[in-house]
């Protein structure tokens, strides 16, 4: 039972990870030092983890990956939009 709750605590901390970067990007509108390739790979990785979490029917990991995939996809889309406008 404790492992179950530790998993949900991990989800909470995991949700917080991309937020400082996302907030900084939105506030400063500066995306020059952010690696596009890193976020492409990160989003692909999270999508694979989400598919696996759904396959093994793990609510903890399904929720975590859904939220992290969403927030990191927003970062990726902002990066792409910035790069296209910068060309």
N, C-alpha and C. Protein backbone atom coordinates (compact mmCIF):
# COMPACT_ATOMS: atom_id res chain seq x y z
N UNK A 1 0.82 -1.20 0.00
CA UNK A 1 0.00 0.00 0.00
C UNK A 1 0.85 1.26 0.00
N UNK A 2 1.97 1.23 0.73
CA UNK A 2 2.83 2.42 0.76
C UNK A 2 3.43 2.69 -0.62
N UNK A 3 3.74 1.63 -1.36
CA UNK A 3 4.27 1.80 -2.71
C UNK A 3 3.28 2.50 -3.62
N UNK A 4 2.01 2.22 -3.43
CA UNK A 4 0.95 2.87 -4.21
C UNK A 4 0.97 4.38 -3.97
N UNK A 5 1.02 4.79 -2.71
CA UNK A 5 1.01 6.22 -2.37
C UNK A 5 2.32 6.91 -2.76
N UNK A 6 3.42 6.20 -2.67
CA UNK A 6 4.69 6.77 -3.13
C UNK A 6 4.63 7.03 -4.63
N UNK A 7 3.97 6.14 -5.35
CA UNK A 7 3.79 6.35 -6.79
C UNK A 7 3.03 7.64 -7.08
N UNK A 8 1.96 7.90 -6.32
CA UNK A 8 1.18 9.12 -6.52
C UNK A 8 1.95 10.36 -6.08
N UNK A 9 2.76 10.23 -5.05
CA UNK A 9 3.63 11.35 -4.64
C UNK A 9 4.62 11.66 -5.77
N UNK A 10 5.16 10.60 -6.38
CA UNK A 10 6.05 10.77 -7.52
C UNK A 10 5.36 11.47 -8.68
N UNK A 11 4.10 11.15 -8.91
CA UNK A 11 3.32 11.83 -9.96
C UNK A 11 3.28 13.33 -9.66
N UNK A 12 3.02 13.68 -8.41
CA UNK A 12 2.95 15.08 -8.02
C UNK A 12 4.25 15.81 -8.30
N UNK A 13 5.36 15.21 -7.91
CA UNK A 13 6.66 15.84 -8.18
C UNK A 13 6.97 15.86 -9.67
N UNK A 14 6.61 14.79 -10.36
CA UNK A 14 6.85 14.71 -11.81
C UNK A 14 6.10 15.79 -12.58
N UNK A 15 4.92 16.13 -12.11
CA UNK A 15 4.14 17.19 -12.75
C UNK A 15 4.85 18.53 -12.63
N UNK A 16 5.55 18.73 -11.52
CA UNK A 16 6.22 20.00 -11.27
C UNK A 16 7.49 20.20 -12.11
N UNK A 17 8.08 19.13 -12.59
CA UNK A 17 9.39 19.21 -13.26
C UNK A 17 9.39 20.17 -14.46
N UNK A 18 8.48 20.05 -15.43
CA UNK A 18 8.58 20.94 -16.60
C UNK A 18 8.03 22.34 -16.38
N UNK A 19 7.33 22.57 -15.29
CA UNK A 19 6.67 23.86 -15.10
C UNK A 19 7.62 25.05 -15.00
N UNK A 20 8.74 24.99 -14.27
CA UNK A 20 9.62 26.17 -14.23
C UNK A 20 10.13 26.58 -15.62
N UNK A 21 10.48 25.58 -16.44
CA UNK A 21 10.95 25.89 -17.80
C UNK A 21 9.83 26.51 -18.63
N UNK A 22 8.66 25.94 -18.55
CA UNK A 22 7.52 26.44 -19.31
C UNK A 22 7.17 27.87 -18.89
N UNK A 23 7.13 28.12 -17.60
CA UNK A 23 6.81 29.46 -17.10
C UNK A 23 7.89 30.46 -17.54
N UNK A 24 9.15 30.07 -17.45
CA UNK A 24 10.24 30.96 -17.86
C UNK A 24 10.15 31.27 -19.35
N UNK A 25 9.83 30.27 -20.15
CA UNK A 25 9.72 30.48 -21.58
C UNK A 25 8.59 31.45 -21.92
N UNK A 26 7.47 31.30 -21.24
CA UNK A 26 6.32 32.16 -21.51
C UNK A 26 6.60 33.58 -21.04
N UNK A 27 7.20 33.74 -19.87
CA UNK A 27 7.46 35.07 -19.32
C UNK A 27 8.52 35.83 -20.11
N UNK A 28 9.63 35.16 -20.41
CA UNK A 28 10.74 35.86 -21.07
C UNK A 28 10.62 35.86 -22.58
N UNK A 29 9.80 34.96 -23.11
CA UNK A 29 9.68 34.78 -24.56
C UNK A 29 11.04 34.49 -25.21
N UNK A 30 11.95 33.93 -24.42
CA UNK A 30 13.27 33.57 -24.91
C UNK A 30 13.40 32.05 -24.95
N UNK A 31 13.58 31.54 -26.16
CA UNK A 31 13.68 30.09 -26.34
C UNK A 31 14.98 29.70 -27.03
N UNK A 32 15.90 30.63 -27.14
CA UNK A 32 17.11 30.41 -27.92
C UNK A 32 18.01 29.31 -27.35
N UNK A 33 18.06 29.16 -26.05
CA UNK A 33 18.98 28.20 -25.44
C UNK A 33 18.33 26.85 -25.13
N UNK A 34 17.13 26.63 -25.63
CA UNK A 34 16.42 25.38 -25.39
C UNK A 34 16.64 24.45 -26.59
N UNK A 35 16.99 23.20 -26.33
CA UNK A 35 17.26 22.25 -27.40
C UNK A 35 15.96 21.65 -27.95
N UNK A 36 15.71 21.91 -29.22
CA UNK A 36 14.54 21.34 -29.89
C UNK A 36 14.63 19.82 -29.94
N UNK A 37 15.82 19.31 -30.26
CA UNK A 37 16.02 17.86 -30.34
C UNK A 37 15.73 17.15 -29.03
N UNK A 38 16.12 17.77 -27.93
CA UNK A 38 15.88 17.18 -26.61
C UNK A 38 14.38 17.05 -26.37
N UNK A 39 13.62 18.09 -26.68
CA UNK A 39 12.18 18.03 -26.44
C UNK A 39 11.46 17.10 -27.40
N UNK A 40 11.95 16.97 -28.64
CA UNK A 40 11.37 15.98 -29.56
C UNK A 40 11.54 14.59 -28.98
N UNK A 41 12.76 14.27 -28.55
CA UNK A 41 13.02 12.95 -27.97
C UNK A 41 12.25 12.73 -26.67
N UNK A 42 12.14 13.77 -25.87
CA UNK A 42 11.41 13.68 -24.61
C UNK A 42 9.93 13.38 -24.84
N UNK A 43 9.32 14.07 -25.80
CA UNK A 43 7.91 13.84 -26.10
C UNK A 43 7.69 12.44 -26.66
N UNK A 44 8.57 11.98 -27.53
CA UNK A 44 8.46 10.62 -28.07
C UNK A 44 8.59 9.59 -26.94
N UNK A 45 9.56 9.82 -26.05
CA UNK A 45 9.76 8.92 -24.92
C UNK A 45 8.51 8.86 -24.03
N UNK A 46 7.96 10.03 -23.72
CA UNK A 46 6.77 10.07 -22.86
C UNK A 46 5.56 9.43 -23.53
N UNK A 47 5.45 9.58 -24.83
CA UNK A 47 4.36 8.93 -25.55
C UNK A 47 4.50 7.41 -25.45
N UNK A 48 5.71 6.91 -25.60
CA UNK A 48 5.94 5.46 -25.47
C UNK A 48 5.62 4.99 -24.05
N UNK A 49 6.05 5.76 -23.05
CA UNK A 49 5.74 5.41 -21.66
C UNK A 49 4.23 5.42 -21.41
N UNK A 50 3.54 6.39 -21.99
CA UNK A 50 2.08 6.46 -21.82
C UNK A 50 1.41 5.24 -22.43
N UNK A 51 1.81 4.88 -23.62
CA UNK A 51 1.24 3.69 -24.27
C UNK A 51 1.49 2.46 -23.41
N UNK A 52 2.70 2.33 -22.88
CA UNK A 52 3.02 1.19 -22.02
C UNK A 52 2.18 1.22 -20.73
N UNK A 53 2.02 2.39 -20.13
CA UNK A 53 1.23 2.51 -18.90
C UNK A 53 -0.22 2.09 -19.14
N UNK A 54 -0.75 2.49 -20.28
CA UNK A 54 -2.13 2.09 -20.62
C UNK A 54 -2.18 0.58 -20.83
N UNK A 55 -1.19 0.03 -21.51
CA UNK A 55 -1.14 -1.40 -21.78
C UNK A 55 -1.10 -2.23 -20.50
N UNK A 56 -0.30 -1.78 -19.52
CA UNK A 56 -0.20 -2.55 -18.26
C UNK A 56 -1.27 -2.13 -17.25
N UNK A 57 -2.14 -1.21 -17.66
CA UNK A 57 -3.26 -0.75 -16.82
C UNK A 57 -2.80 -0.18 -15.48
N UNK A 58 -1.85 0.75 -15.56
CA UNK A 58 -1.32 1.39 -14.36
C UNK A 58 -1.84 2.82 -14.27
N UNK A 59 -2.82 3.06 -13.38
CA UNK A 59 -3.36 4.42 -13.30
C UNK A 59 -2.33 5.47 -12.90
N UNK A 60 -1.42 5.12 -12.01
CA UNK A 60 -0.41 6.08 -11.56
C UNK A 60 0.43 6.56 -12.75
N UNK A 61 0.95 5.62 -13.51
CA UNK A 61 1.81 6.00 -14.63
C UNK A 61 1.03 6.59 -15.79
N UNK A 62 -0.21 6.16 -15.98
CA UNK A 62 -1.04 6.73 -17.04
C UNK A 62 -1.30 8.21 -16.77
N UNK A 63 -1.66 8.54 -15.54
CA UNK A 63 -1.90 9.94 -15.18
C UNK A 63 -0.62 10.75 -15.30
N UNK A 64 0.47 10.22 -14.75
CA UNK A 64 1.74 10.94 -14.77
C UNK A 64 2.19 11.22 -16.21
N UNK A 65 2.16 10.21 -17.04
CA UNK A 65 2.63 10.40 -18.41
C UNK A 65 1.69 11.26 -19.23
N UNK A 66 0.41 11.19 -18.96
CA UNK A 66 -0.55 12.06 -19.68
C UNK A 66 -0.26 13.52 -19.38
N UNK A 67 -0.07 13.84 -18.12
CA UNK A 67 0.18 15.23 -17.74
C UNK A 67 1.55 15.68 -18.24
N UNK A 68 2.57 14.86 -18.06
CA UNK A 68 3.90 15.25 -18.51
C UNK A 68 3.99 15.34 -20.03
N UNK A 69 3.30 14.45 -20.72
CA UNK A 69 3.27 14.52 -22.18
C UNK A 69 2.62 15.82 -22.63
N UNK A 70 1.56 16.21 -21.96
CA UNK A 70 0.87 17.45 -22.31
C UNK A 70 1.76 18.67 -22.08
N UNK A 71 2.34 18.78 -20.91
CA UNK A 71 3.15 19.97 -20.61
C UNK A 71 4.40 20.04 -21.49
N UNK A 72 5.04 18.91 -21.72
CA UNK A 72 6.24 18.93 -22.56
C UNK A 72 5.90 19.11 -24.03
N UNK A 73 4.72 18.69 -24.44
CA UNK A 73 4.26 18.96 -25.81
C UNK A 73 4.03 20.45 -26.01
N UNK A 74 3.53 21.13 -24.98
CA UNK A 74 3.36 22.59 -25.07
C UNK A 74 4.72 23.25 -25.25
N UNK A 75 5.71 22.83 -24.47
CA UNK A 75 7.06 23.37 -24.62
C UNK A 75 7.57 23.13 -26.04
N UNK A 76 7.38 21.91 -26.54
CA UNK A 76 7.84 21.57 -27.89
C UNK A 76 7.14 22.44 -28.94
N UNK A 77 5.85 22.61 -28.81
CA UNK A 77 5.12 23.44 -29.78
C UNK A 77 5.57 24.90 -29.72
N UNK A 78 5.84 25.41 -28.53
CA UNK A 78 6.37 26.77 -28.41
C UNK A 78 7.74 26.88 -29.08
N UNK A 79 8.57 25.87 -28.89
CA UNK A 79 9.89 25.87 -29.54
C UNK A 79 9.77 25.86 -31.05
N UNK A 80 8.90 25.01 -31.57
CA UNK A 80 8.71 24.91 -33.02
C UNK A 80 8.18 26.24 -33.56
N UNK A 81 7.19 26.79 -32.89
CA UNK A 81 6.62 28.07 -33.34
C UNK A 81 7.68 29.17 -33.33
N UNK A 82 8.50 29.19 -32.28
CA UNK A 82 9.57 30.18 -32.18
C UNK A 82 10.58 30.03 -33.31
N UNK A 83 10.96 28.79 -33.59
CA UNK A 83 11.95 28.54 -34.65
C UNK A 83 11.40 28.91 -36.02
N UNK A 84 10.12 28.61 -36.26
CA UNK A 84 9.52 28.94 -37.56
C UNK A 84 9.45 30.46 -37.73
N UNK A 85 9.07 31.17 -36.69
CA UNK A 85 9.00 32.63 -36.76
C UNK A 85 10.38 33.26 -36.87
N UNK A 86 11.38 32.59 -36.33
CA UNK A 86 12.73 33.12 -36.34
C UNK A 86 13.44 32.94 -37.68
N UNK A 87 12.87 32.11 -38.55
CA UNK A 87 13.52 31.87 -39.85
C UNK A 87 13.35 33.01 -40.81
